């Protein structure tokens, strides 16, 4: 349970930081998020499969990457937050 909560906390911290930085460096922030999500898919996602099963196909990380690449910053983040709220990765966003 602690691992699920820590993953959600890291993602929410990243999202908060992104919202604060987007006014100054929007393209760089979005590029950094895409890079971090790619790293999570390579390292974190295989580890998380032992603890948590994804409710959706594609997974939330793949969905977030697709949205960040195709939508504007604010719309992408709104859709990602909606998806995570339905997924409830930490078990606290029910």
Protein backbone atom coordinates (compact mmCIF):
# COMPACT_ATOMS: atom_id res chain seq x y z
CA UNK A 1 0.00 0.00 0.00
CA UNK A 2 2.84 2.38 0.77
CA UNK A 3 4.34 1.87 -2.68
CA UNK A 4 1.08 2.79 -4.40
CA UNK A 5 0.75 5.91 -2.27
CA UNK A 6 4.32 7.00 -2.97
CA UNK A 7 3.85 6.64 -6.74
CA UNK A 8 0.71 8.78 -6.61
CA UNK A 9 2.46 11.34 -4.40
CA UNK A 10 5.38 11.62 -6.81
CA UNK A 11 3.05 12.07 -9.77
CA UNK A 12 1.00 14.74 -7.97
CA UNK A 13 4.18 16.57 -6.94
CA UNK A 14 5.35 16.51 -10.55
CA UNK A 15 2.00 17.81 -11.71
CA UNK A 16 2.05 20.65 -9.15
CA UNK A 17 5.58 21.64 -10.16
CA UNK A 18 4.56 21.56 -13.81
CA UNK A 19 1.62 23.88 -13.26
CA UNK A 20 3.88 26.37 -11.50
CA UNK A 21 6.56 26.25 -14.20
CA UNK A 22 4.34 26.22 -17.29
CA UNK A 23 3.87 29.97 -17.28
CA UNK A 24 7.62 30.46 -17.70
CA UNK A 25 8.77 27.45 -19.76
CA UNK A 26 5.78 25.64 -21.29
CA UNK A 27 7.57 23.66 -24.01
CA UNK A 28 10.44 22.64 -21.73
CA UNK A 29 8.09 21.49 -18.97
CA UNK A 30 6.06 19.37 -21.34
CA UNK A 31 9.25 17.88 -22.78
CA UNK A 32 10.51 17.06 -19.28
CA UNK A 33 7.22 15.36 -18.41
CA UNK A 34 7.39 13.26 -21.57
CA UNK A 35 10.95 12.24 -20.70
CA UNK A 36 10.02 11.34 -17.09
CA UNK A 37 6.99 9.33 -18.19
CA UNK A 38 9.18 7.48 -20.68
CA UNK A 39 11.63 6.64 -17.88
CA UNK A 40 8.75 5.46 -15.68
CA UNK A 41 7.50 3.19 -18.46
CA UNK A 42 10.97 1.65 -18.82
CA UNK A 43 11.81 1.25 -15.12
CA UNK A 44 8.84 1.82 -12.83
CA UNK A 45 6.06 0.19 -14.79
CA UNK A 46 7.64 -3.29 -14.93
CA UNK A 47 8.24 -3.15 -11.18
CA UNK A 48 4.71 -1.92 -10.44
CA UNK A 49 3.18 -4.86 -12.33
CA UNK A 50 4.05 -7.06 -9.35
CA UNK A 51 2.01 -4.85 -7.00
CA UNK A 52 -0.80 -3.27 -9.03
CA UNK A 53 -2.80 -4.22 -12.12
CA UNK A 54 -3.91 -1.53 -14.55
CA UNK A 55 -7.66 -1.07 -14.84
CA UNK A 56 -7.46 0.54 -18.27
CA UNK A 57 -5.93 -0.23 -21.64
CA UNK A 58 -3.72 1.54 -22.54
CA UNK A 59 -2.11 2.06 -19.14
CA UNK A 60 -2.25 5.49 -17.51
CA UNK A 61 1.39 6.18 -18.41
CA UNK A 62 0.80 5.46 -22.10
CA UNK A 63 -2.40 7.51 -22.01
CA UNK A 64 -0.56 10.43 -20.38
CA UNK A 65 2.19 10.31 -23.02
CA UNK A 66 -0.37 10.32 -25.82
CA UNK A 67 -2.23 13.28 -24.31
CA UNK A 68 0.95 15.29 -23.68
CA UNK A 69 2.03 14.78 -27.29
CA UNK A 70 -1.33 15.56 -28.92
CA UNK A 71 -3.15 18.08 -26.70
CA UNK A 72 -2.25 21.51 -25.37
CA UNK A 73 -0.75 21.66 -21.88
CA UNK A 74 -3.86 22.42 -19.84
CA UNK A 75 -6.23 20.11 -21.68
CA UNK A 76 -3.71 17.26 -21.48
CA UNK A 77 -3.30 17.67 -17.73
CA UNK A 78 -7.04 17.88 -17.16
CA UNK A 79 -7.54 14.60 -19.05
CA UNK A 80 -4.64 12.94 -17.19
CA UNK A 81 -6.04 13.95 -13.80
CA UNK A 82 -9.50 12.66 -14.79
CA UNK A 83 -7.99 9.34 -15.85
CA UNK A 84 -5.97 8.99 -12.64
CA UNK A 85 -9.04 9.82 -10.55
CA UNK A 86 -10.93 6.98 -12.24
CA UNK A 87 -7.96 4.64 -11.99
CA UNK A 88 -7.33 5.50 -8.34
CA UNK A 89 -3.68 4.35 -8.25
CA UNK A 90 -3.23 5.20 -4.59
CA UNK A 91 -6.57 3.82 -3.49
CA UNK A 92 -7.38 7.20 -1.96
CA UNK A 93 -9.01 8.99 -4.89
CA UNK A 94 -12.24 7.02 -4.86
